[in-house]
Amino acid sequence: MTEEQYQAKALDLLQQEVGGDVDGFETEQGDIVRWSRVTNDYAVGKPGEMVRSMYPLRGGEERFNKLRERDEKKEDNSNG
């Protein structure tokens, strides 16, 4: 896979909506994370801007859920 193909594949995944075979979340740092259950690709970056990383996710859904628990942006429920 060329660098251009890698970037295009990762950006395509990052731009997909969560649902069906694609799961994902936003990190505390503002990055978007997407994981495809079909291809097992895990991508991190900013859609249309930058790919930080894309790789096959070892451990499947269990690993994805651990990464989500660690990295997902937490809602601010404080009133003050």
PDB file of N, CA and C in Angstrom:
ATOM      1  N   MET A   1       0.854  -1.169   0.000  1.00  0.00           N
ATOM      2  CA  MET A   1       0.000   0.000   0.000  1.00  0.00           C
ATOM      3  C   MET A   1       0.906   1.239   0.000  1.00  0.00           C
ATOM      4  N   THR A   2       0.615   2.161  -0.880  1.00  0.00           N
ATOM      5  CA  THR A   2       1.395   3.394  -0.927  1.00  0.00           C
ATOM      6  C   THR A   2       0.947   4.337   0.184  1.00  0.00           C
ATOM      7  N   GLU A   3       1.741   5.362   0.438  1.00  0.00           N
ATOM      8  CA  GLU A   3       1.382   6.376   1.434  1.00  0.00           C
ATOM      9  C   GLU A   3       0.055   7.048   1.077  1.00  0.00           C
ATOM     10  N   GLU A   4      -0.140   7.312  -0.206  1.00  0.00           N
ATOM     11  CA  GLU A   4      -1.383   7.950  -0.653  1.00  0.00           C
ATOM     12  C   GLU A   4      -2.583   7.034  -0.419  1.00  0.00           C
ATOM     13  N   GLN A   5      -2.418   5.743  -0.693  1.00  0.00           N
ATOM     14  CA  GLN A   5      -3.500   4.785  -0.468  1.00  0.00           C
ATOM     15  C   GLN A   5      -3.816   4.656   1.028  1.00  0.00           C
ATOM     16  N   TYR A   6      -2.770   4.624   1.842  1.00  0.00           N
ATOM     17  CA  TYR A   6      -2.929   4.558   3.306  1.00  0.00           C
ATOM     18  C   TYR A   6      -3.717   5.765   3.803  1.00  0.00           C
ATOM     19  N   GLN A   7      -3.313   6.965   3.370  1.00  0.00           N
ATOM     20  CA  GLN A   7      -3.995   8.192   3.790  1.00  0.00           C
ATOM     21  C   GLN A   7      -5.461   8.186   3.345  1.00  0.00           C
ATOM     22  N   ALA A   8      -5.704   7.799   2.102  1.00  0.00           N
ATOM     23  CA  ALA A   8      -7.075   7.780   1.579  1.00  0.00           C
ATOM     24  C   ALA A   8      -7.947   6.783   2.339  1.00  0.00           C
ATOM     25  N   LYS A   9      -7.411   5.594   2.615  1.00  0.00           N
ATOM     26  CA  LYS A   9      -8.171   4.572   3.342  1.00  0.00           C
ATOM     27  C   LYS A   9      -8.483   5.040   4.760  1.00  0.00           C
ATOM     28  N   ALA A  10      -7.502   5.616   5.429  1.00  0.00           N
ATOM     29  CA  ALA A  10      -7.704   6.097   6.799  1.00  0.00           C
ATOM     30  C   ALA A  10      -8.700   7.257   6.836  1.00  0.00           C
ATOM     31  N   LEU A  11      -8.558   8.213   5.931  1.00  0.00           N
ATOM     32  CA  LEU A  11      -9.484   9.356   5.912  1.00  0.00           C
ATOM     33  C   LEU A  11     -10.903   8.903   5.600  1.00  0.00           C
ATOM     34  N   ASP A  12     -11.049   7.922   4.716  1.00  0.00           N
ATOM     35  CA  ASP A  12     -12.372   7.387   4.413  1.00  0.00           C
ATOM     36  C   ASP A  12     -13.012   6.808   5.670  1.00  0.00           C
ATOM     37  N   LEU A  13     -12.257   6.035   6.424  1.00  0.00           N
ATOM     38  CA  LEU A  13     -12.787   5.454   7.664  1.00  0.00           C
ATOM     39  C   LEU A  13     -13.117   6.542   8.676  1.00  0.00           C
ATOM     40  N   LEU A  14     -12.254   7.526   8.826  1.00  0.00           N
ATOM     41  CA  LEU A  14     -12.485   8.610   9.796  1.00  0.00           C
ATOM     42  C   LEU A  14     -13.747   9.412   9.479  1.00  0.00           C
ATOM     43  N   GLN A  15     -14.105   9.491   8.205  1.00  0.00           N
ATOM     44  CA  GLN A  15     -15.270  10.281   7.806  1.00  0.00           C
ATOM     45  C   GLN A  15     -16.581   9.518   7.922  1.00  0.00           C
ATOM     46  N   GLN A  16     -16.518   8.220   8.180  1.00  0.00           N
ATOM     47  CA  GLN A  16     -17.736   7.427   8.287  1.00  0.00           C
ATOM     48  C   GLN A  16     -18.457   7.701   9.608  1.00  0.00           C
ATOM     49  N   GLU A  17     -19.773   7.658   9.538  1.00  0.00           N
ATOM     50  CA  GLU A  17     -20.604   7.813  10.727  1.00  0.00           C
ATOM     51  C   GLU A  17     -20.559   6.532  11.549  1.00  0.00           C
ATOM     52  N   VAL A  18     -20.713   6.670  12.855  1.00  0.00           N
ATOM     53  CA  VAL A  18     -20.785   5.505  13.732  1.00  0.00           C
ATOM     54  C   VAL A  18     -22.124   4.818  13.504  1.00  0.00           C
ATOM     55  N   GLY A  19     -22.080   3.516  13.358  1.00  0.00           N
ATOM     56  CA  GLY A  19     -23.278   2.731  13.137  1.00  0.00           C
ATOM     57  C   GLY A  19     -22.967   1.554  12.243  1.00  0.00           C
ATOM     58  N   GLY A  20     -23.778   0.523  12.340  1.00  0.00           N
ATOM     59  CA  GLY A  20     -23.544  -0.668  11.535  1.00  0.00           C
ATOM     60  C   GLY A  20     -22.223  -1.313  11.899  1.00  0.00           C
ATOM     61  N   ASP A  21     -21.335  -1.410  10.912  1.00  0.00           N
ATOM     62  CA  ASP A  21     -20.041  -2.063  11.116  1.00  0.00           C
ATOM     63  C   ASP A  21     -18.949  -1.112  11.591  1.00  0.00           C
ATOM     64  N   VAL A  22     -19.283   0.162  11.806  1.00  0.00           N
ATOM     65  CA  VAL A  22     -18.287   1.152  12.229  1.00  0.00           C
ATOM     66  C   VAL A  22     -18.630   1.665  13.622  1.00  0.00           C
ATOM     67  N   ASP A  23     -17.666   1.614  14.516  1.00  0.00           N
ATOM     68  CA  ASP A  23     -17.827   2.151  15.857  1.00  0.00           C
ATOM     69  C   ASP A  23     -16.797   3.251  16.028  1.00  0.00           C
ATOM     70  N   GLY A  24     -17.006   4.123  16.999  1.00  0.00           N
ATOM     71  CA  GLY A  24     -16.040   5.185  17.197  1.00  0.00           C
ATOM     72  C   GLY A  24     -16.430   6.146  18.292  1.00  0.00           C
ATOM     73  N   PHE A  25     -15.539   7.118  18.499  1.00  0.00           N
ATOM     74  CA  PHE A  25     -15.720   8.121  19.538  1.00  0.00           C
ATOM     75  C   PHE A  25     -14.771   9.286  19.305  1.00  0.00           C
ATOM     76  N   GLU A  26     -14.913  10.331  20.127  1.00  0.00           N
ATOM     77  CA  GLU A  26     -14.002  11.464  20.103  1.00  0.00           C
ATOM     78  C   GLU A  26     -13.137  11.403  21.354  1.00  0.00           C
ATOM     79  N   THR A  27     -11.843  11.719  21.207  1.00  0.00           N
ATOM     80  CA  THR A  27     -10.931  11.684  22.338  1.00  0.00           C
ATOM     81  C   THR A  27     -10.925  13.017  23.077  1.00  0.00           C
ATOM     82  N   GLU A  28     -10.352  13.019  24.268  1.00  0.00           N
ATOM     83  CA  GLU A  28     -10.195  14.250  25.051  1.00  0.00           C
ATOM     84  C   GLU A  28      -9.399  15.295  24.271  1.00  0.00           C
ATOM     85  N   GLN A  29      -8.482  14.848  23.391  1.00  0.00           N
ATOM     86  CA  GLN A  29      -7.650  15.753  22.605  1.00  0.00           C
ATOM     87  C   GLN A  29      -8.351  16.258  21.348  1.00  0.00           C
ATOM     88  N   GLY A  30      -9.573  15.791  21.109  1.00  0.00           N
ATOM     89  CA  GLY A  30     -10.341  16.249  19.956  1.00  0.00           C
ATOM     90  C   GLY A  30     -10.167  15.415  18.699  1.00  0.00           C
ATOM     91  N   ASP A  31      -9.449  14.317  18.790  1.00  0.00           N
ATOM     92  CA  ASP A  31      -9.310  13.423  17.644  1.00  0.00           C
ATOM     93  C   ASP A  31     -10.546  12.559  17.505  1.00  0.00           C
ATOM     94  N   ILE A  32     -10.792  12.109  16.289  1.00  0.00           N
ATOM     95  CA  ILE A  32     -11.863  11.171  15.998  1.00  0.00           C
ATOM     96  C   ILE A  32     -11.240   9.783  15.887  1.00  0.00           C
ATOM     97  N   VAL A  33     -11.898   8.799  16.463  1.00  0.00           N
ATOM     98  CA  VAL A  33     -11.455   7.409  16.395  1.00  0.00           C
ATOM     99  C   VAL A  33     -12.556   6.612  15.708  1.00  0.00           C
ATOM    100  N   ARG A  34     -12.156   5.789  14.754  1.00  0.00           N
ATOM    101  CA  ARG A  34     -13.100   4.895  14.085  1.00  0.00           C
ATOM    102  C   ARG A  34     -12.484   3.511  14.004  1.00  0.00           C
ATOM    103  N   TRP A  35     -13.337   2.503  14.195  1.00  0.00           N
ATOM    104  CA  TRP A  35     -12.929   1.106  14.079  1.00  0.00           C
ATOM    105  C   TRP A  35     -13.948   0.382  13.211  1.00  0.00           C
ATOM    106  N   SER A  36     -13.466  -0.298  12.190  1.00  0.00           N
ATOM    107  CA  SER A  36     -14.317  -1.079  11.302  1.00  0.00           C
ATOM    108  C   SER A  36     -14.295  -2.528  11.735  1.00  0.00           C
ATOM    109  N   ARG A  37     -15.458  -3.058  12.068  1.00  0.00           N
ATOM    110  CA  ARG A  37     -15.558  -4.471  12.440  1.00  0.00           C
ATOM    111  C   ARG A  37     -15.288  -5.382  11.242  1.00  0.00           C
ATOM    112  N   VAL A  38     -15.544  -4.885  10.036  1.00  0.00           N
ATOM    113  CA  VAL A  38     -15.367  -5.687   8.826  1.00  0.00           C
ATOM    114  C   VAL A  38     -13.888  -5.836   8.477  1.00  0.00           C
ATOM    115  N   THR A  39     -13.160  -4.723   8.437  1.00  0.00           N
ATOM    116  CA  THR A  39     -11.749  -4.761   8.047  1.00  0.00           C
ATOM    117  C   THR A  39     -10.813  -4.828   9.253  1.00  0.00           C
ATOM    118  N   ASN A  40     -11.344  -4.549  10.443  1.00  0.00           N
ATOM    119  CA  ASN A  40     -10.595  -4.482  11.695  1.00  0.00           C
ATOM    120  C   ASN A  40      -9.609  -3.311  11.712  1.00  0.00           C
ATOM    121  N   ASP A  41      -9.787  -2.345  10.801  1.00  0.00           N
ATOM    122  CA  ASP A  41      -8.931  -1.161  10.791  1.00  0.00           C
ATOM    123  C   ASP A  41      -9.345  -0.212  11.916  1.00  0.00           C
ATOM    124  N   TYR A  42      -8.351   0.348  12.587  1.00  0.00           N
ATOM    125  CA  TYR A  42      -8.536   1.299  13.685  1.00  0.00           C
ATOM    126  C   TYR A  42      -7.813   2.568  13.267  1.00  0.00           C
ATOM    127  N   ALA A  43      -8.549   3.674  13.145  1.00  0.00           N
ATOM    128  CA  ALA A  43      -7.962   4.928  12.667  1.00  0.00           C
ATOM    129  C   ALA A  43      -8.193   6.037  13.682  1.00  0.00           C
ATOM    130  N   VAL A  44      -7.193   6.909  13.793  1.00  0.00           N
ATOM    131  CA  VAL A  44      -7.254   8.067  14.677  1.00  0.00           C
ATOM    132  C   VAL A  44      -6.804   9.278  13.879  1.00  0.00           C
ATOM    133  N   GLY A  45      -7.548  10.374  13.996  1.00  0.00           N
ATOM    134  CA  GLY A  45      -7.163  11.600  13.301  1.00  0.00           C
ATOM    135  C   GLY A  45      -8.287  12.603  13.273  1.00  0.00           C
ATOM    136  N   LYS A  46      -8.185  13.525  12.318  1.00  0.00           N
ATOM    137  CA  LYS A  46      -9.200  14.545  12.124  1.00  0.00           C
ATOM    138  C   LYS A  46      -9.706  14.413  10.688  1.00  0.00           C
ATOM    139  N   PRO A  47     -10.998  14.061  10.507  1.00  0.00           N
ATOM    140  CA  PRO A  47     -11.531  13.849   9.167  1.00  0.00           C
ATOM    141  C   PRO A  47     -11.255  15.030   8.242  1.00  0.00           C
ATOM    142  N   GLY A  48     -10.756  14.728   7.055  1.00  0.00           N
ATOM    143  CA  GLY A  48     -10.488  15.755   6.066  1.00  0.00           C
ATOM    144  C   GLY A  48      -9.236  16.556   6.326  1.00  0.00           C
ATOM    145  N   GLU A  49      -8.556  16.307   7.432  1.00  0.00           N
ATOM    146  CA  GLU A  49      -7.378  17.094   7.788  1.00  0.00           C
ATOM    147  C   GLU A  49      -6.127  16.258   7.941  1.00  0.00           C
ATOM    148  N   MET A  50      -6.156  15.289   8.881  1.00  0.00           N
ATOM    149  CA  MET A  50      -4.930  14.606   9.239  1.00  0.00           C
ATOM    150  C   MET A  50      -5.215  13.207   9.779  1.00  0.00           C
ATOM    151  N   VAL A  51      -4.349  12.286   9.392  1.00  0.00           N
ATOM    152  CA  VAL A  51      -4.384  10.933   9.938  1.00  0.00           C
ATOM    153  C   VAL A  51      -3.234  10.826  10.925  1.00  0.00           C
ATOM    154  N   ARG A  52      -3.558  10.512  12.161  1.00  0.00           N
ATOM    155  CA  ARG A  52      -2.500  10.270  13.147  1.00  0.00           C
ATOM    156  C   ARG A  52      -1.981   8.839  13.016  1.00  0.00           C
ATOM    157  N   SER A  53      -2.921   7.902  12.838  1.00  0.00           N
ATOM    158  CA  SER A  53      -2.520   6.501  12.762  1.00  0.00           C
ATOM    159  C   SER A  53      -3.673   5.670  12.232  1.00  0.00           C
ATOM    160  N   MET A  54      -3.322   4.553  11.581  1.00  0.00           N
ATOM    161  CA  MET A  54      -4.309   3.543  11.215  1.00  0.00           C
ATOM    162  C   MET A  54      -3.586   2.207  11.223  1.00  0.00           C
ATOM    163  N   TYR A  55      -4.213   1.234  11.855  1.00  0.00           N
ATOM    164  CA  TYR A  55      -3.594  -0.086  11.947  1.00  0.00           C
ATOM    165  C   TYR A  55      -4.661  -1.127  12.249  1.00  0.00           C
ATOM    166  N   PRO A  56      -4.346  -2.415  11.990  1.00  0.00           N
ATOM    167  CA  PRO A  56      -5.275  -3.479  12.373  1.00  0.00           C
ATOM    168  C   PRO A  56      -5.314  -3.574  13.897  1.00  0.00           C
ATOM    169  N   LEU A  57      -6.502  -3.632  14.435  1.00  0.00           N
ATOM    170  CA  LEU A  57      -6.667  -3.639  15.890  1.00  0.00           C
ATOM    171  C   LEU A  57      -6.607  -5.065  16.420  1.00  0.00           C
ATOM    172  N   ARG A  58      -5.559  -5.381  17.131  1.00  0.00           N
ATOM    173  CA  ARG A  58      -5.452  -6.703  17.767  1.00  0.00           C
ATOM    174  C   ARG A  58      -6.375  -6.735  18.983  1.00  0.00           C
ATOM    175  N   GLY A  59      -7.116  -7.820  19.105  1.00  0.00           N
ATOM    176  CA  GLY A  59      -7.998  -7.964  20.254  1.00  0.00           C
ATOM    177  C   GLY A  59      -9.438  -7.601  19.957  1.00  0.00           C
ATOM    178  N   GLY A  60      -9.711  -7.123  18.749  1.00  0.00           N
ATOM    179  CA  GLY A  60     -11.076  -6.860  18.321  1.00  0.00           C
ATOM    180  C   GLY A  60     -11.874  -5.948  19.232  1.00  0.00           C
ATOM    181  N   GLU A  61     -13.132  -6.307  19.431  1.00  0.00           N
ATOM    182  CA  GLU A  61     -14.057  -5.455  20.172  1.00  0.00           C
ATOM    183  C   GLU A  61     -13.637  -5.261  21.627  1.00  0.00           C
ATOM    184  N   GLU A  62     -13.094  -6.288  22.241  1.00  0.00           N
ATOM    185  CA  GLU A  62     -12.647  -6.154  23.632  1.00  0.00           C
ATOM    186  C   GLU A  62     -11.567  -5.072  23.745  1.00  0.00           C
ATOM    187  N   ARG A  63     -10.605  -5.107  22.838  1.00  0.00           N
ATOM    188  CA  ARG A  63      -9.535  -4.099  22.843  1.00  0.00           C
ATOM    189  C   ARG A  63     -10.089  -2.714  22.529  1.00  0.00           C
ATOM    190  N   PHE A  64     -11.008  -2.630  21.551  1.00  0.00           N
ATOM    191  CA  PHE A  64     -11.611  -1.350  21.207  1.00  0.00           C
ATOM    192  C   PHE A  64     -12.298  -0.736  22.423  1.00  0.00           C
ATOM    193  N   ASN A  65     -13.060  -1.537  23.161  1.00  0.00           N
ATOM    194  CA  ASN A  65     -13.766  -1.027  24.335  1.00  0.00           C
ATOM    195  C   ASN A  65     -12.799  -0.536  25.414  1.00  0.00           C
ATOM    196  N   LYS A  66     -11.668  -1.200  25.578  1.00  0.00           N
ATOM    197  CA  LYS A  66     -10.657  -0.741  26.538  1.00  0.00           C
ATOM    198  C   LYS A  66     -10.052   0.590  26.101  1.00  0.00           C
ATOM    199  N   LEU A  67      -9.780   0.722  24.803  1.00  0.00           N
ATOM    200  CA  LEU A  67      -9.245   1.983  24.290  1.00  0.00           C
ATOM    201  C   LEU A  67     -10.274   3.106  24.447  1.00  0.00           C
ATOM    202  N   ARG A  68     -11.539   2.791  24.193  1.00  0.00           N
ATOM    203  CA  ARG A  68     -12.600   3.792  24.353  1.00  0.00           C
ATOM    204  C   ARG A  68     -12.684   4.253  25.809  1.00  0.00           C
ATOM    205  N   GLU A  69     -12.655   3.288  26.722  1.00  0.00           N
ATOM    206  CA  GLU A  69     -12.730   3.618  28.148  1.00  0.00           C
ATOM    207  C   GLU A  69     -11.566   4.527  28.559  1.00  0.00           C
ATOM    208  N   ARG A  70     -10.396   4.263  28.005  1.00  0.00           N
ATOM    209  CA  ARG A  70      -9.203   5.037  28.341  1.00  0.00           C
ATOM    210  C   ARG A  70      -9.195   6.429  27.701  1.00  0.00           C
ATOM    211  N   ASP A  71      -9.649   6.528  26.433  1.00  0.00           N
ATOM    212  CA  ASP A  71      -9.411   7.741  25.647  1.00  0.00           C
ATOM    213  C   ASP A  71     -10.638   8.601  25.346  1.00  0.00           C
ATOM    214  N   GLU A  72     -11.844   8.074  25.542  1.00  0.00           N
ATOM    215  CA  GLU A  72     -13.039   8.813  25.119  1.00  0.00           C
ATOM    216  C   GLU A  72     -13.214  10.095  25.909  1.00  0.00           C
ATOM    217  N   LYS A  73     -13.642  11.125  25.202  1.00  0.00           N
ATOM    218  CA  LYS A  73     -13.919  12.419  25.832  1.00  0.00           C
ATOM    219  C   LYS A  73     -15.033  12.247  26.843  1.00  0.00           C
ATOM    220  N   LYS A  74     -14.783  12.751  28.023  1.00  0.00           N
ATOM    221  CA  LYS A  74     -15.766  12.660  29.100  1.00  0.00           C
ATOM    222  C   LYS A  74     -16.679  13.877  29.048  1.00  0.00           C
ATOM    223  N   GLU A  75     -17.948  13.635  29.255  1.00  0.00           N
ATOM    224  CA  GLU A  75     -18.928  14.728  29.297  1.00  0.00           C
ATOM    225  C   GLU A  75     -18.745  15.516  30.583  1.00  0.00           C
ATOM    226  N   ASP A  76     -18.808  16.818  30.493  1.00  0.00           N
ATOM    227  CA  ASP A  76     -18.718  17.670  31.675  1.00  0.00           C
ATOM    228  C   ASP A  76     -20.118  17.865  32.226  1.00  0.00           C
ATOM    229  N   ASN A  77     -20.395  17.205  33.354  1.00  0.00           N
ATOM    230  CA  ASN A  77     -21.722  17.294  33.957  1.00  0.00           C
ATOM    231  C   ASN A  77     -21.779  18.272  35.122  1.00  0.00           C
ATOM    232  N   SER A  78     -20.737  19.055  35.302  1.00  0.00           N
ATOM    233  CA  SER A  78     -20.726  20.016  36.407  1.00  0.00           C
ATOM    234  C   SER A  78     -21.519  21.257  36.029  1.00  0.00           C
ATOM    235  N   ASN A  79     -22.038  21.937  37.010  1.00  0.00           N
ATOM    236  CA  ASN A  79     -22.816  23.152  36.782  1.00  0.00           C
ATOM    237  C   ASN A  79     -22.085  24.385  37.299  1.00  0.00           C
ATOM    238  N   GLY A  80     -20.804  24.342  37.313  1.00  0.00           N
ATOM    239  CA  GLY A  80     -20.190  25.463  37.924  1.00  0.00           C
ATOM    240  C   GLY A  80     -18.935  25.884  37.385  1.00  0.00           C
TER     241      GLY A  80
END
